[in-house]
C-alpha atoms as a PDB file:
ATOM      1  CA  MET A   1       2.018   5.601  -8.751  1.00  0.00           C
ATOM      2  CA  ALA A   2       5.821   5.524  -8.103  1.00  0.00           C
ATOM      3  CA  GLY A   3       6.779   1.729  -7.236  1.00  0.00           C
ATOM      4  CA  ASP A   4       4.489  -0.993  -6.764  1.00  0.00           C
ATOM      5  CA  GLU A   5       3.983  -3.677  -3.851  1.00  0.00           C
ATOM      6  CA  SER A   6       4.487  -6.945  -5.079  1.00  0.00           C
ATOM      7  CA  THR A   7       2.940  -9.950  -3.590  1.00  0.00           C
ATOM      8  CA  ASP A   8       6.170 -10.853  -1.571  1.00  0.00           C
ATOM      9  CA  MET A   9       5.237  -9.147   1.781  1.00  0.00           C
ATOM     10  CA  SER A  10       7.362  -6.358   1.234  1.00  0.00           C
ATOM     11  CA  LEU A  11       7.504  -3.708   4.146  1.00  0.00           C
ATOM     12  CA  GLU A  12       7.855  -0.933   2.425  1.00  0.00           C
ATOM     13  CA  LEU A  13       6.062   0.726  -0.491  1.00  0.00           C
ATOM     14  CA  ASP A  14       7.175   4.169  -2.376  1.00  0.00           C
ATOM     15  CA  ARG A  15       4.134   6.029  -3.819  1.00  0.00           C
ATOM     16  CA  ASP A  16       2.607   9.572  -3.919  1.00  0.00           C
ATOM     17  CA  CYS A  17       0.898  10.438  -0.303  1.00  0.00           C
ATOM     18  CA  PRO A  18      -2.229  12.854  -1.021  1.00  0.00           C
ATOM     19  CA  GLU A  19      -1.828  14.813   2.339  1.00  0.00           C
ATOM     20  CA  CYS A  20       1.964  15.503   2.149  1.00  0.00           C
ATOM     21  CA  GLY A  21       1.875  15.845  -1.543  1.00  0.00           C
ATOM     22  CA  GLU A  22       5.102  14.249  -2.289  1.00  0.00           C
ATOM     23  CA  GLU A  23       6.506  11.082  -2.789  1.00  0.00           C
ATOM     24  CA  LYS A  24       7.085   8.924   0.522  1.00  0.00           C
ATOM     25  CA  THR A  25       8.449   5.153   1.779  1.00  0.00           C
ATOM     26  CA  PHE A  26       4.984   3.824   3.207  1.00  0.00           C
ATOM     27  CA  TYR A  27       5.351   0.970   5.541  1.00  0.00           C
ATOM     28  CA  ARG A  28       2.886  -2.073   5.900  1.00  0.00           C
ATOM     29  CA  ALA A  29       1.426  -1.764   9.174  1.00  0.00           C
ATOM     30  CA  ALA A  30      -0.586  -5.186   8.806  1.00  0.00           C
ATOM     31  CA  ALA A  31      -1.264  -7.716   6.214  1.00  0.00           C
ATOM     32  CA  MET A  32      -3.232 -11.065   6.075  1.00  0.00           C
ATOM     33  CA  LYS A  33      -4.386 -13.626   3.103  1.00  0.00           C
ATOM     34  CA  VAL A  34      -8.012 -13.249   2.191  1.00  0.00           C
ATOM     35  CA  HIS A  35      -9.934 -15.500  -0.170  1.00  0.00           C
ATOM     36  CA  LEU A  36      -9.324 -12.434  -2.823  1.00  0.00           C
ATOM     37  CA  GLY A  37      -5.409 -12.073  -2.398  1.00  0.00           C
ATOM     38  CA  THR A  38      -2.953 -10.263   0.172  1.00  0.00           C
ATOM     39  CA  LYS A  39      -4.642  -7.605   2.214  1.00  0.00           C
ATOM     40  CA  ALA A  40      -2.127  -4.950   3.440  1.00  0.00           C
ATOM     41  CA  LYS A  41      -2.504  -1.563   5.149  1.00  0.00           C
ATOM     42  CA  TRP A  42      -0.265   0.850   4.165  1.00  0.00           C
ATOM     43  CA  HIS A  43       0.876   4.058   6.150  1.00  0.00           C
ATOM     44  CA  CYS A  44       2.704   6.917   5.827  1.00  0.00           C
ATOM     45  CA  PRO A  45       5.292   7.926   8.459  1.00  0.00           C
ATOM     46  CA  ASP A  46       5.015  11.652   8.178  1.00  0.00           C
ATOM     47  CA  CYS A  47       1.531  12.279   8.398  1.00  0.00           C
ATOM     48  CA  GLU A  48      -0.024   8.754   9.544  1.00  0.00           C
ATOM     49  CA  TYR A  49      -2.166   8.715   5.974  1.00  0.00           C
ATOM     50  CA  GLY A  50      -3.204   5.438   5.246  1.00  0.00           C
ATOM     51  CA  PHE A  51      -4.885   3.089   2.926  1.00  0.00           C
ATOM     52  CA  VAL A  52      -5.987  -0.911   2.363  1.00  0.00           C
ATOM     53  CA  ARG A  53      -4.385  -2.879  -0.785  1.00  0.00           C
ATOM     54  CA  ILE A  54      -5.481  -6.083  -1.995  1.00  0.00           C
ATOM     55  CA  ALA A  55      -3.004  -7.757  -4.061  1.00  0.00           C
ATOM     56  CA  ASN A  56      -3.413 -11.178  -6.256  1.00  0.00           C
ATOM     57  CA  GLY A  57      -0.638 -11.919  -8.589  1.00  0.00           C
ATOM     58  CA  ASP A  58      -0.570  -8.717 -11.323  1.00  0.00           C
ATOM     59  CA  VAL A  59      -4.014  -7.384 -10.104  1.00  0.00           C
ATOM     60  CA  ALA A  60      -4.169  -5.024  -7.184  1.00  0.00           C
ATOM     61  CA  VAL A  61      -6.709  -2.662  -5.843  1.00  0.00           C
ATOM     62  CA  ASP A  62      -6.674  -0.075  -3.039  1.00  0.00           C
ATOM     63  CA  THR A  63      -8.306   2.516  -1.125  1.00  0.00           C
ATOM     64  CA  ASN A  64      -6.213   5.049  -2.518  1.00  0.00           C
ATOM     65  CA  ALA A  65      -7.641   4.715  -6.496  1.00  0.00           C
ATOM     66  CA  ALA A  66     -10.384   7.257  -6.585  1.00  0.00           C
END
């Protein structure tokens, strides 16, 4: 994964888009604090592919990791 989201609620995240097949700058569509950490929804501006990521400190889990 290129780039990484920190828990500072950044608005952009650079990573590979599986639909476009290249690295894209994803934008944060929504975010909220949950008991596990910060939940954020990220979307590709070109194809609208999106995923959800929950980050807490140095630990992050997202729906794109399969």
